[in-house]
N, C-alpha and C. Protein backbone atom coordinates (compact mmCIF):
# COMPACT_ATOMS: atom_id res chain seq x y z
N UNK A 1 10.64 -6.37 3.63
CA UNK A 1 10.77 -4.93 4.74
C UNK A 1 9.96 -4.70 5.17
N UNK A 2 9.05 -4.80 5.86
CA UNK A 2 7.64 -4.87 6.64
C UNK A 2 7.43 -3.75 6.98
N UNK A 3 6.13 -3.38 6.25
CA UNK A 3 5.38 -2.35 6.55
C UNK A 3 4.09 -2.05 7.03
N UNK A 4 3.95 -1.86 8.25
CA UNK A 4 2.32 -1.87 8.48
C UNK A 4 1.80 -0.14 8.86
N UNK A 5 0.17 -0.47 8.59
CA UNK A 5 -0.42 0.79 8.94
C UNK A 5 -1.34 0.44 9.32
N UNK A 6 -2.03 1.22 10.38
CA UNK A 6 -3.62 1.04 10.69
C UNK A 6 -4.54 2.47 10.32
N UNK A 7 -5.96 2.21 10.27
CA UNK A 7 -6.80 3.45 9.54
C UNK A 7 -7.96 2.80 10.46
N UNK A 8 -8.58 4.04 10.19
CA UNK A 8 -10.53 3.51 10.49
C UNK A 8 -10.90 4.62 9.26
N UNK A 9 -12.39 3.35 9.23
CA UNK A 9 -12.99 4.46 7.95
C UNK A 9 -14.39 4.06 8.77
N UNK A 10 -15.13 5.25 8.49
CA UNK A 10 -16.88 5.71 9.00
C UNK A 10 -17.41 4.50 8.63
N UNK A 11 -17.24 3.66 7.79
CA UNK A 11 -18.81 2.85 7.18
C UNK A 11 -18.44 1.43 8.43
N UNK A 12 -19.29 0.78 7.92
CA UNK A 12 -19.51 -0.53 8.84
C UNK A 12 -18.51 -1.60 8.64
N UNK A 13 -18.35 -2.52 9.55
CA UNK A 13 -17.25 -3.97 9.22
C UNK A 13 -17.85 -4.72 7.70
N UNK A 14 -19.25 -4.78 7.92
CA UNK A 14 -19.61 -5.62 6.59
C UNK A 14 -19.34 -4.92 5.48
N UNK A 15 -19.69 -3.81 5.27
CA UNK A 15 -19.52 -2.98 3.92
C UNK A 15 -18.15 -2.95 3.44
N UNK A 16 -16.90 -2.90 4.67
CA UNK A 16 -15.59 -2.44 4.01
C UNK A 16 -15.13 -3.82 3.77
N UNK A 17 -16.09 -4.93 4.67
CA UNK A 17 -15.67 -6.62 4.11
C UNK A 17 -15.87 -6.65 2.77
N UNK A 18 -17.18 -6.11 2.54
CA UNK A 18 -17.44 -6.58 1.33
C UNK A 18 -16.71 -5.71 -0.10
N UNK A 19 -16.36 -4.43 0.44
CA UNK A 19 -14.99 -3.62 -0.42
C UNK A 19 -13.88 -4.63 -0.62
N UNK A 20 -13.38 -4.63 0.61
CA UNK A 20 -12.43 -5.42 0.24
C UNK A 20 -12.19 -6.76 -0.49
N UNK A 21 -13.69 -7.33 -0.77
CA UNK A 21 -13.36 -8.54 -1.67
C UNK A 21 -13.74 -8.40 -2.96
N UNK A 22 -13.78 -6.94 -3.32
CA UNK A 22 -14.04 -7.05 -4.52
C UNK A 22 -12.71 -6.22 -4.61
N UNK A 23 -11.49 -7.14 -5.45
CA UNK A 23 -10.31 -6.74 -5.79
C UNK A 23 -9.73 -5.56 -6.49
N UNK A 24 -10.48 -5.25 -7.90
CA UNK A 24 -10.61 -4.27 -8.68
C UNK A 24 -10.98 -3.05 -7.60
N UNK A 25 -11.72 -2.69 -7.07
CA UNK A 25 -11.79 -1.97 -6.51
C UNK A 25 -10.90 -1.35 -5.57
N UNK A 26 -10.22 -2.50 -4.50
CA UNK A 26 -9.35 -2.31 -3.82
C UNK A 26 -7.70 -1.52 -4.87
N UNK A 27 -7.52 -2.58 -5.53
CA UNK A 27 -6.53 -2.05 -6.56
C UNK A 27 -6.37 -0.75 -6.61
N UNK A 28 -7.38 -0.39 -7.13
CA UNK A 28 -7.80 1.02 -7.95
C UNK A 28 -7.55 1.89 -6.49
N UNK A 29 -7.44 1.52 -5.49
CA UNK A 29 -7.02 2.80 -4.01
C UNK A 29 -5.29 3.33 -3.85
N UNK A 30 -4.44 1.80 -4.31
CA UNK A 30 -2.94 1.59 -4.49
C UNK A 30 -2.39 2.82 -5.22
N UNK A 31 -2.42 3.97 -5.26
CA UNK A 31 -1.36 4.75 -6.68
C UNK A 31 -0.82 4.47 -7.51
N UNK A 32 -0.66 4.04 -8.80
CA UNK A 32 0.26 3.84 -9.71
C UNK A 32 -0.14 2.20 -9.57
N UNK A 33 -0.93 1.54 -9.53
CA UNK A 33 -1.51 0.56 -9.49
C UNK A 33 -2.68 0.18 -10.57
N UNK A 34 -2.57 -0.33 -11.50
CA UNK A 34 -4.00 -0.71 -12.14
C UNK A 34 -3.64 -2.65 -12.70
N UNK A 35 -5.31 -3.04 -12.44
CA UNK A 35 -5.36 -4.16 -13.15
C UNK A 35 -5.63 -3.99 -14.63
N UNK A 36 -5.42 -5.21 -15.19
CA UNK A 36 -4.92 -5.55 -16.65
C UNK A 36 -5.95 -6.86 -17.25
N UNK A 37 -6.06 -7.49 -16.11
CA UNK A 37 -6.39 -9.05 -16.71
C UNK A 37 -6.64 -9.62 -15.30
N UNK A 38 -8.36 -10.19 -15.53
CA UNK A 38 -8.61 -10.98 -14.58
C UNK A 38 -8.54 -12.23 -15.27
N UNK A 39 -7.38 -13.04 -14.45
CA UNK A 39 -7.09 -14.43 -14.65
C UNK A 39 -8.01 -15.76 -14.31
N UNK A 40 -8.80 -14.86 -13.50
CA UNK A 40 -9.55 -16.48 -12.62
C UNK A 40 -9.40 -16.56 -11.43
N UNK A 41 -10.17 -17.51 -10.22
CA UNK A 41 -9.57 -18.00 -9.37
C UNK A 41 -8.90 -17.12 -8.32
N UNK A 42 -9.00 -15.76 -8.38
CA UNK A 42 -8.59 -14.82 -7.24
C UNK A 42 -7.59 -14.77 -7.87
N UNK A 43 -7.03 -14.35 -8.95
CA UNK A 43 -5.72 -14.25 -9.71
C UNK A 43 -5.77 -12.82 -10.73
N UNK A 44 -4.76 -11.91 -10.84
CA UNK A 44 -4.96 -10.83 -10.98
C UNK A 44 -3.89 -10.56 -12.11
N UNK A 45 -3.91 -9.87 -13.26
CA UNK A 45 -2.22 -9.55 -14.04
C UNK A 45 -2.65 -8.02 -13.85
N UNK A 46 -1.02 -7.25 -13.75
CA UNK A 46 -1.43 -5.69 -13.73
C UNK A 46 -0.09 -5.16 -13.71
N UNK A 47 0.15 -3.93 -13.98
CA UNK A 47 0.82 -3.34 -13.55
C UNK A 47 1.43 -1.84 -12.18
N UNK A 48 2.54 -1.87 -11.85
CA UNK A 48 2.36 -0.61 -10.85
C UNK A 48 3.74 0.32 -11.17
N UNK A 49 3.73 1.38 -11.16
CA UNK A 49 4.42 2.34 -11.59
C UNK A 49 5.07 2.83 -10.21
N UNK A 50 6.11 3.04 -9.99
CA UNK A 50 6.26 4.40 -8.52
C UNK A 50 7.52 5.03 -9.68
N UNK A 51 7.55 6.34 -9.57
CA UNK A 51 8.40 7.70 -9.60
C UNK A 51 8.68 8.01 -8.58
N UNK A 52 10.25 8.47 -8.52
CA UNK A 52 10.56 9.47 -7.69
C UNK A 52 12.27 10.25 -8.43
N UNK A 53 11.64 11.83 -8.82
CA UNK A 53 12.26 12.21 -9.82
C UNK A 53 12.72 11.51 -10.63
N UNK A 54 14.62 11.20 -10.69
CA UNK A 54 14.60 10.09 -12.09
C UNK A 54 14.46 9.36 -12.03
N UNK A 55 14.34 8.36 -10.73
CA UNK A 55 13.70 7.30 -10.79
C UNK A 55 12.60 6.92 -10.58
N UNK A 56 12.58 5.60 -11.94
CA UNK A 56 10.93 5.22 -11.96
C UNK A 56 11.22 4.04 -12.43
N UNK A 57 9.95 3.36 -11.75
CA UNK A 57 10.33 1.65 -11.94
C UNK A 57 8.92 1.47 -12.13
N UNK A 58 8.30 0.87 -13.28
CA UNK A 58 7.47 0.28 -14.01
C UNK A 58 7.37 -1.65 -13.96
N UNK A 59 6.62 -2.35 -13.36
CA UNK A 59 6.58 -3.38 -12.71
C UNK A 59 5.18 -3.96 -13.26
N UNK A 60 5.80 -4.88 -14.19
CA UNK A 60 4.42 -5.95 -14.60
C UNK A 60 4.47 -7.11 -14.12
N UNK A 61 3.51 -7.78 -13.23
CA UNK A 61 3.49 -8.66 -12.89
C UNK A 61 2.15 -9.49 -12.41
N UNK A 62 1.70 -9.90 -11.82
CA UNK A 62 0.26 -9.96 -11.42
C UNK A 62 0.34 -10.62 -9.81
N UNK A 63 -0.92 -10.73 -9.28
CA UNK A 63 -1.28 -10.75 -7.49
C UNK A 63 -2.45 -12.13 -7.37
N UNK A 64 -2.40 -12.35 -6.08
CA UNK A 64 -3.85 -13.78 -6.07
C UNK A 64 -3.97 -13.64 -4.51
N UNK A 65 -5.16 -14.21 -4.31
CA UNK A 65 -5.35 -13.47 -3.13
C UNK A 65 -5.33 -15.46 -2.53
N UNK A 66 -4.37 -15.08 -1.48
CA UNK A 66 -3.97 -16.74 -1.56
C UNK A 66 -5.02 -17.01 0.31
N UNK A 67 -5.85 -16.21 0.92
CA UNK A 67 -6.27 -16.53 1.85
C UNK A 67 -7.34 -15.49 1.92
N UNK A 68 -8.55 -16.18 2.64
CA UNK A 68 -9.56 -15.33 2.42
C UNK A 68 -10.55 -15.72 3.54
N UNK A 69 -10.51 -15.20 4.99
CA UNK A 69 -11.07 -15.99 6.31
C UNK A 69 -12.40 -14.75 6.42
N UNK A 70 -13.73 -15.48 6.11
CA UNK A 70 -14.73 -14.74 5.84
C UNK A 70 -15.02 -14.04 7.67
N UNK A 71 -14.15 -15.83 8.69
CA UNK A 71 -14.78 -15.50 9.88
C UNK A 71 -14.41 -14.75 10.86
N UNK A 72 -12.90 -14.53 10.34
CA UNK A 72 -12.27 -13.42 10.88
C UNK A 72 -12.02 -12.26 10.69
N UNK A 73 -12.24 -12.00 9.19
CA UNK A 73 -12.56 -10.71 8.94
C UNK A 73 -10.84 -10.52 8.00
N UNK A 74 -9.97 -11.27 7.47
CA UNK A 74 -8.75 -11.22 6.92
C UNK A 74 -8.56 -12.05 5.81
N UNK A 75 -7.90 -11.04 4.81
CA UNK A 75 -7.83 -11.49 3.78
C UNK A 75 -5.83 -11.08 3.06
N UNK A 76 -5.43 -11.94 2.78
CA UNK A 76 -3.65 -12.33 2.30
C UNK A 76 -3.80 -12.02 0.76
N UNK A 77 -3.06 -11.19 0.01
CA UNK A 77 -2.39 -11.37 -0.94
C UNK A 77 -1.14 -11.26 -1.54
N UNK A 78 -0.62 -12.37 -2.14
CA UNK A 78 0.64 -12.40 -3.12
C UNK A 78 0.91 -11.95 -4.15
N UNK A 79 1.37 -10.79 -4.23
CA UNK A 79 1.74 -10.50 -5.40
C UNK A 79 3.56 -10.34 -5.79
N UNK A 80 3.76 -10.35 -7.05
CA UNK A 80 5.26 -10.19 -7.65
C UNK A 80 5.13 -9.84 -9.09
N UNK A 81 6.35 -9.41 -9.43
CA UNK A 81 6.29 -8.57 -10.98
C UNK A 81 7.64 -8.33 -11.18
N UNK A 82 8.01 -8.19 -12.21
CA UNK A 82 9.43 -7.38 -12.93
C UNK A 82 9.51 -6.21 -13.42
N UNK A 83 10.60 -5.43 -12.92
CA UNK A 83 10.78 -4.20 -14.10
C UNK A 83 10.26 -4.20 -15.29
N UNK A 84 9.75 -3.26 -16.21
CA UNK A 84 10.17 -3.55 -17.68
C UNK A 84 11.28 -3.42 -18.20
N UNK A 85 12.38 -2.26 -17.20
CA UNK A 85 13.56 -2.30 -18.14
C UNK A 85 14.67 -3.33 -17.40
N UNK A 86 14.36 -3.76 -16.77
CA UNK A 86 15.00 -5.15 -16.71
C UNK A 86 16.37 -4.75 -14.64
N UNK A 87 15.49 -3.85 -14.42
CA UNK A 87 16.18 -3.26 -12.88
C UNK A 87 15.75 -4.10 -11.40
N UNK A 88 14.85 -5.01 -11.85
CA UNK A 88 15.18 -5.91 -10.77
C UNK A 88 13.39 -6.63 -10.33
N UNK A 89 13.27 -7.18 -9.51
CA UNK A 89 11.85 -8.05 -9.23
C UNK A 89 11.65 -7.48 -7.94
N UNK A 90 10.51 -7.61 -7.95
CA UNK A 90 9.51 -7.46 -5.98
C UNK A 90 8.47 -8.72 -6.08
N UNK A 91 8.74 -8.72 -4.91
CA UNK A 91 7.62 -9.62 -4.28
C UNK A 91 7.01 -9.25 -3.32
N UNK A 92 5.44 -9.03 -2.69
CA UNK A 92 5.05 -8.84 -2.03
C UNK A 92 4.30 -9.59 -1.48
N UNK A 93 3.52 -9.50 -0.27
CA UNK A 93 2.82 -10.47 0.66
C UNK A 93 1.69 -9.25 1.46
N UNK A 94 0.64 -8.92 1.35
CA UNK A 94 0.01 -8.52 1.83
C UNK A 94 -1.11 -8.82 2.76
N UNK A 95 -1.23 -8.74 3.84
CA UNK A 95 -2.41 -9.08 4.58
C UNK A 95 -3.26 -7.97 5.80
N UNK A 96 -4.52 -8.28 5.23
CA UNK A 96 -5.39 -6.92 5.97
C UNK A 96 -6.36 -8.00 7.07
N UNK A 97 -6.55 -7.00 7.86
CA UNK A 97 -7.33 -7.67 9.09
C UNK A 97 -8.25 -6.53 9.22
N UNK A 98 -9.96 -6.49 9.91
CA UNK A 98 -10.89 -5.73 9.91
C UNK A 98 -11.24 -6.21 11.23
N UNK A 99 -11.94 -4.86 11.58
CA UNK A 99 -12.40 -5.14 13.05
C UNK A 99 -13.60 -4.37 13.18
N UNK A 100 -14.65 -4.34 13.91
CA UNK A 100 -15.39 -3.27 14.16
C UNK A 100 -15.05 -2.77 15.60
N UNK A 101 -15.06 -0.97 15.24
CA UNK A 101 -14.18 0.14 16.14
C UNK A 101 -15.67 0.87 16.22
N UNK A 102 -15.92 1.51 17.33
CA UNK A 102 -16.58 2.54 17.73
C UNK A 102 -16.64 3.48 16.30
N UNK A 103 -17.46 3.55 15.57
CA UNK A 103 -18.08 4.77 14.61
C UNK A 103 -17.52 4.20 13.26
N UNK A 104 -17.31 2.87 13.18
CA UNK A 104 -17.03 2.58 11.90
C UNK A 104 -16.04 1.70 11.86
N UNK A 105 -15.20 0.79 11.30
CA UNK A 105 -13.98 0.14 11.06
C UNK A 105 -12.58 0.11 11.13
N UNK A 106 -11.57 -0.74 12.03
CA UNK A 106 -10.90 -0.29 11.73
C UNK A 106 -10.05 -1.51 10.77
N UNK A 107 -9.02 -0.90 10.12
CA UNK A 107 -8.41 -1.76 9.31
C UNK A 107 -6.61 -1.62 9.32
N UNK A 108 -6.40 -2.92 9.23
CA UNK A 108 -5.08 -3.16 9.76
C UNK A 108 -4.24 -4.22 8.70
N UNK A 109 -3.39 -3.47 8.03
CA UNK A 109 -2.35 -3.63 6.34
C UNK A 109 -1.03 -3.67 6.87
N UNK A 110 -0.93 -4.91 6.78
CA UNK A 110 0.77 -5.07 6.95
C UNK A 110 1.50 -5.82 5.60
N UNK A 111 2.70 -5.32 5.36
CA UNK A 111 3.20 -5.89 3.61
C UNK A 111 4.40 -5.83 4.27
N UNK A 112 4.82 -6.88 3.66
CA UNK A 112 6.38 -6.90 3.60
C UNK A 112 6.69 -6.98 2.11
N UNK A 113 7.46 -6.12 1.73
CA UNK A 113 8.07 -6.34 -0.01
C UNK A 113 9.75 -6.41 0.43
N UNK A 114 9.36 -7.12 -0.63
CA UNK A 114 11.20 -7.60 -0.86
C UNK A 114 11.63 -6.70 -2.51
N UNK A 115 12.71 -6.06 -2.57
CA UNK A 115 13.09 -5.75 -3.92
C UNK A 115 14.47 -6.91 -4.01
N UNK A 116 14.77 -7.24 -5.66
CA UNK A 116 15.85 -7.99 -5.98
C UNK A 116 16.35 -7.05 -6.88
N UNK A 117 17.69 -7.63 -6.93
CA UNK A 117 18.44 -7.11 -8.52
C UNK A 117 18.32 -4.96 -8.15
N UNK A 118 18.82 -4.30 -9.72
CA UNK A 118 19.37 -3.20 -9.15
C UNK A 118 18.52 -2.23 -8.44
N UNK A 119 17.18 -2.65 -8.17
CA UNK A 119 16.23 -1.98 -7.34
C UNK A 119 15.72 -2.00 -6.01
N UNK A 120 17.14 -2.92 -5.62
CA UNK A 120 17.27 -2.68 -4.58
C UNK A 120 18.56 -2.24 -4.08
N UNK A 121 19.12 -1.41 -5.14
CA UNK A 121 20.12 -0.23 -4.54
C UNK A 121 19.66 1.24 -4.12
N UNK A 122 18.14 0.84 -3.93
CA UNK A 122 17.75 2.40 -3.46
C UNK A 122 17.75 2.63 -2.19
N UNK A 123 18.04 1.68 -1.11
CA UNK A 123 18.09 1.46 -0.17
C UNK A 123 17.13 1.22 0.90
N UNK A 124 17.12 0.29 1.90
CA UNK A 124 15.62 -0.15 2.96
C UNK A 124 15.36 1.04 3.42
N UNK A 125 15.71 2.50 3.59
CA UNK A 125 15.57 3.85 4.20
C UNK A 125 14.53 4.59 3.30
N UNK A 126 14.80 4.48 1.81
CA UNK A 126 13.83 4.88 0.71
C UNK A 126 12.97 4.37 0.34
N UNK A 127 13.09 2.84 0.29
CA UNK A 127 11.86 2.33 -0.27
C UNK A 127 11.11 2.08 0.51
N UNK A 128 11.01 2.09 2.36
CA UNK A 128 10.34 1.69 3.13
C UNK A 128 9.71 3.08 3.20
N UNK A 129 10.03 4.38 3.49
CA UNK A 129 9.52 5.68 3.61
C UNK A 129 8.60 5.76 2.18
N UNK A 130 8.95 5.54 0.82
CA UNK A 130 8.09 4.99 -0.16
C UNK A 130 6.97 4.57 -0.18
N UNK A 131 7.21 3.63 0.54
CA UNK A 131 6.15 2.54 0.73
C UNK A 131 5.10 2.85 1.82
N UNK A 132 5.35 3.38 2.56
CA UNK A 132 4.56 4.49 3.73
C UNK A 132 3.70 5.09 3.54
N UNK A 133 4.20 6.17 2.46
CA UNK A 133 3.28 7.17 1.31
C UNK A 133 2.92 6.66 0.92
N UNK A 134 2.80 5.54 -0.11
CA UNK A 134 1.70 5.00 -0.87
C UNK A 134 0.65 4.23 0.32
N UNK A 135 1.35 3.20 1.76
CA UNK A 135 0.14 3.11 2.26
C UNK A 135 -1.16 4.09 2.93
N UNK A 136 -0.52 5.23 3.17
CA UNK A 136 -0.93 6.47 3.63
C UNK A 136 -2.09 6.64 1.92
N UNK A 137 -1.71 6.97 1.57
CA UNK A 137 -2.43 7.21 0.64
C UNK A 137 -3.55 6.14 0.27
N UNK A 138 -3.16 4.97 0.11
CA UNK A 138 -3.89 3.58 0.22
C UNK A 138 -5.49 3.78 1.39
N UNK A 139 -5.04 4.19 2.14
CA UNK A 139 -6.16 4.74 3.34
C UNK A 139 -7.09 5.58 2.84
N UNK A 140 -6.23 6.84 2.42
CA UNK A 140 -7.33 7.97 2.19
C UNK A 140 -8.43 7.52 1.21
N UNK A 141 -7.80 6.97 -0.17
CA UNK A 141 -8.27 6.17 -1.37
C UNK A 141 -9.53 5.45 -1.01
N UNK A 142 -9.09 4.54 0.18
CA UNK A 142 -10.07 3.91 0.55
C UNK A 142 -10.99 4.47 0.99
N UNK A 143 -11.16 5.07 2.16
CA UNK A 143 -12.49 5.94 2.85
C UNK A 143 -13.01 6.59 1.55
N UNK A 144 -12.01 7.88 0.72
CA UNK A 144 -13.21 8.19 -0.28
C UNK A 144 -13.99 7.20 -0.88
N UNK A 145 -13.43 6.23 -1.24
CA UNK A 145 -13.91 5.00 -2.02
C UNK A 145 -15.45 4.77 -1.55
N UNK A 146 -15.09 4.26 -0.05
CA UNK A 146 -16.09 3.74 0.88
C UNK A 146 -17.71 4.83 0.90
N UNK A 147 -17.18 5.99 1.25
CA UNK A 147 -17.57 7.43 1.18
C UNK A 147 -18.97 6.55 -0.11
N UNK A 148 -18.42 6.94 -0.98
CA UNK A 148 -18.87 7.61 -2.06
C UNK A 148 -19.82 6.26 -2.63
N UNK A 149 -19.51 4.91 -2.39
CA UNK A 149 -20.43 3.91 -2.20
C UNK A 149 -21.79 4.06 -1.17
N UNK A 150 -21.28 4.55 0.20
CA UNK A 150 -22.13 4.88 1.31
C UNK A 150 -23.73 5.60 0.78
N UNK A 151 -22.64 6.68 -0.43
CA UNK A 151 -23.61 7.64 -0.62
C UNK A 151 -24.12 7.29 -1.68
N UNK A 152 -24.05 6.14 -2.19
CA UNK A 152 -24.69 5.88 -3.55
C UNK A 152 -23.86 6.48 -4.67
N UNK A 153 -22.85 7.11 -4.67
CA UNK A 153 -22.19 7.24 -5.80
C UNK A 153 -21.25 6.24 -6.57
N UNK A 154 -20.70 6.71 -7.58
CA UNK A 154 -20.04 6.21 -8.57
C UNK A 154 -18.17 6.18 -7.69
N UNK A 155 -17.88 5.12 -7.24
CA UNK A 155 -16.61 5.50 -6.62
C UNK A 155 -15.27 5.53 -7.66
N UNK A 156 -15.50 5.34 -8.90
CA UNK A 156 -14.49 5.45 -9.79
C UNK A 156 -14.32 6.96 -10.09
N UNK A 157 -15.84 7.60 -9.61
CA UNK A 157 -15.59 8.85 -9.69
C UNK A 157 -15.37 10.30 -8.51
N UNK A 158 -15.04 9.69 -7.72
CA UNK A 158 -14.56 10.56 -6.64
C UNK A 158 -12.96 10.73 -7.02
N UNK A 159 -12.72 11.71 -6.03
CA UNK A 159 -11.29 12.31 -6.14
C UNK A 159 -10.21 11.35 -5.49
N UNK A 160 -9.34 11.08 -5.90
CA UNK A 160 -8.54 9.70 -5.45
C UNK A 160 -7.26 10.70 -5.59
N UNK A 161 -6.49 10.48 -4.22
CA UNK A 161 -4.45 10.28 -4.13
C UNK A 161 -4.03 9.98 -5.08
N UNK A 162 -2.81 10.72 -6.39
CA UNK A 162 -2.77 10.72 -7.61
C UNK A 162 -1.71 9.69 -7.19
N UNK A 163 -1.24 8.96 -8.63
CA UNK A 163 -0.02 8.12 -8.74
C UNK A 163 0.90 8.71 -8.00
N UNK A 164 1.87 7.81 -7.81
CA UNK A 164 3.06 8.34 -6.95
C UNK A 164 4.07 8.28 -8.00
N UNK A 165 4.30 9.51 -7.84
CA UNK A 165 5.31 10.13 -8.72
C UNK A 165 5.96 11.09 -8.14
N UNK A 166 7.13 11.88 -9.27
CA UNK A 166 7.57 12.66 -8.87
C UNK A 166 7.96 14.04 -7.46
N UNK A 167 8.09 14.55 -7.73
CA UNK A 167 8.64 15.48 -6.72
C UNK A 167 8.11 15.11 -5.25
N UNK A 168 6.43 15.42 -5.25
CA UNK A 168 5.27 15.29 -3.80
C UNK A 168 5.72 14.34 -3.33
N UNK A 169 5.92 12.85 -3.53
CA UNK A 169 6.11 11.66 -3.21
C UNK A 169 7.24 11.93 -2.60
N UNK A 170 8.19 12.52 -3.53
CA UNK A 170 10.12 12.04 -2.96
C UNK A 170 9.97 13.16 -1.54
N UNK A 171 9.41 14.43 -1.43
CA UNK A 171 9.24 15.21 -0.18
C UNK A 171 8.31 14.97 0.57
N UNK A 172 7.42 13.74 0.71
CA UNK A 172 7.19 13.55 2.23
C UNK A 172 7.44 12.02 2.72
N UNK A 173 8.57 11.46 1.19
CA UNK A 173 9.30 10.10 2.14
C UNK A 173 10.66 10.64 2.87
N UNK A 174 10.93 11.95 2.22
CA UNK A 174 12.56 12.70 2.55
C UNK A 174 11.49 13.40 4.10
N UNK A 175 10.85 14.09 4.04
CA UNK A 175 9.97 14.08 5.71
C UNK A 175 9.24 13.20 6.49
N UNK A 176 9.58 12.34 6.09
CA UNK A 176 9.55 10.67 6.98
C UNK A 176 11.13 10.84 7.62
N UNK A 177 12.14 10.70 7.05
CA UNK A 177 13.45 10.18 6.68
C UNK A 177 13.74 11.20 7.95
N UNK A 178 13.88 12.25 7.86
CA UNK A 178 14.07 13.32 8.24
C UNK A 178 13.38 13.31 9.99
N UNK A 179 12.36 12.95 9.73
CA UNK A 179 11.41 12.68 11.30
C UNK A 179 12.08 11.63 11.84
N UNK A 180 12.36 10.44 11.39
CA UNK A 180 13.50 9.32 11.81
C UNK A 180 14.67 10.36 12.53
N UNK A 181 15.38 11.10 11.47
CA UNK A 181 16.53 11.46 12.31
C UNK A 181 16.75 12.16 13.62
N UNK A 182 15.60 13.24 13.52
CA UNK A 182 15.30 14.01 14.65
C UNK A 182 14.59 13.43 16.03
N UNK A 183 14.04 12.28 15.46
CA UNK A 183 13.62 11.27 16.77
C UNK A 183 14.94 11.03 17.23
N UNK A 184 15.82 10.54 16.50
CA UNK A 184 17.07 9.89 17.13
C UNK A 184 18.03 10.92 17.88
N UNK A 185 17.82 12.47 17.01
CA UNK A 185 19.12 13.21 17.93
C UNK A 185 17.90 13.43 19.11
N UNK A 186 17.00 13.37 19.46
CA UNK A 186 16.26 13.74 20.66
C UNK A 186 16.43 12.59 21.57
N UNK A 187 17.26 11.56 21.51
CA UNK A 187 17.07 10.38 22.37
C UNK A 187 18.43 10.83 23.13
N UNK A 188 18.20 11.04 24.57
CA UNK A 188 19.00 11.41 25.88
C UNK A 188 20.39 10.76 24.86
N UNK A 189 21.32 11.35 25.33
CA UNK A 189 22.77 11.08 25.36
C UNK A 189 23.18 9.99 26.54
N UNK A 190 23.65 8.64 26.06
CA UNK A 190 24.36 7.44 27.58
C UNK A 190 25.31 6.99 26.81
N UNK A 191 26.15 7.82 27.62
CA UNK A 191 27.48 7.54 27.28
C UNK A 191 27.50 5.71 27.38
N UNK A 192 28.65 4.83 26.85
CA UNK A 192 28.41 3.20 27.32
C UNK A 192 29.78 3.47 28.89
N UNK A 193 29.23 2.59 29.73
CA UNK A 193 30.20 2.12 30.87
C UNK A 193 31.56 2.12 30.05
N UNK A 194 32.82 2.50 31.48
CA UNK A 194 34.11 2.21 30.73
C UNK A 194 34.15 1.01 31.66
């Protein structure tokens, strides 16, 4: 399932590129993600926890920077993990590209998430909406941490969007699903030719 997000931050391109090169700093921006081990050679071990009401998935796995293009300001990460209770596996390919923009830097993130096993039963729409909520939270956290760095504050002390879980993420994801339905209903009726 391919999900993209584009956002702009107020910091210059070079500062944002340096930030994206610091994997623990970037991982701290994704709610529910925790790096636990630095394995060397741009490889990391960690956990991801996502909860939605009675559904809670806790993945143990790893991530690796597979490509870093200094000239074009792009970075690619491959990650995979397995749910601790054996309810499935997840793989993720993430590509981020940065470009100078008026007043700061434009960041485009493309993510291909694949779930297998029982975790895949939750449906593409629900998983897609939850992932979109997480990417929006990621964008807000990136901006907050970059602003703290630019102001000389400790980025680990800034307010962050909390880990994904509970009713709040469910309501936000449900709102996205409802918006999709409303958009479909708003399309003009086109009877097929007989």
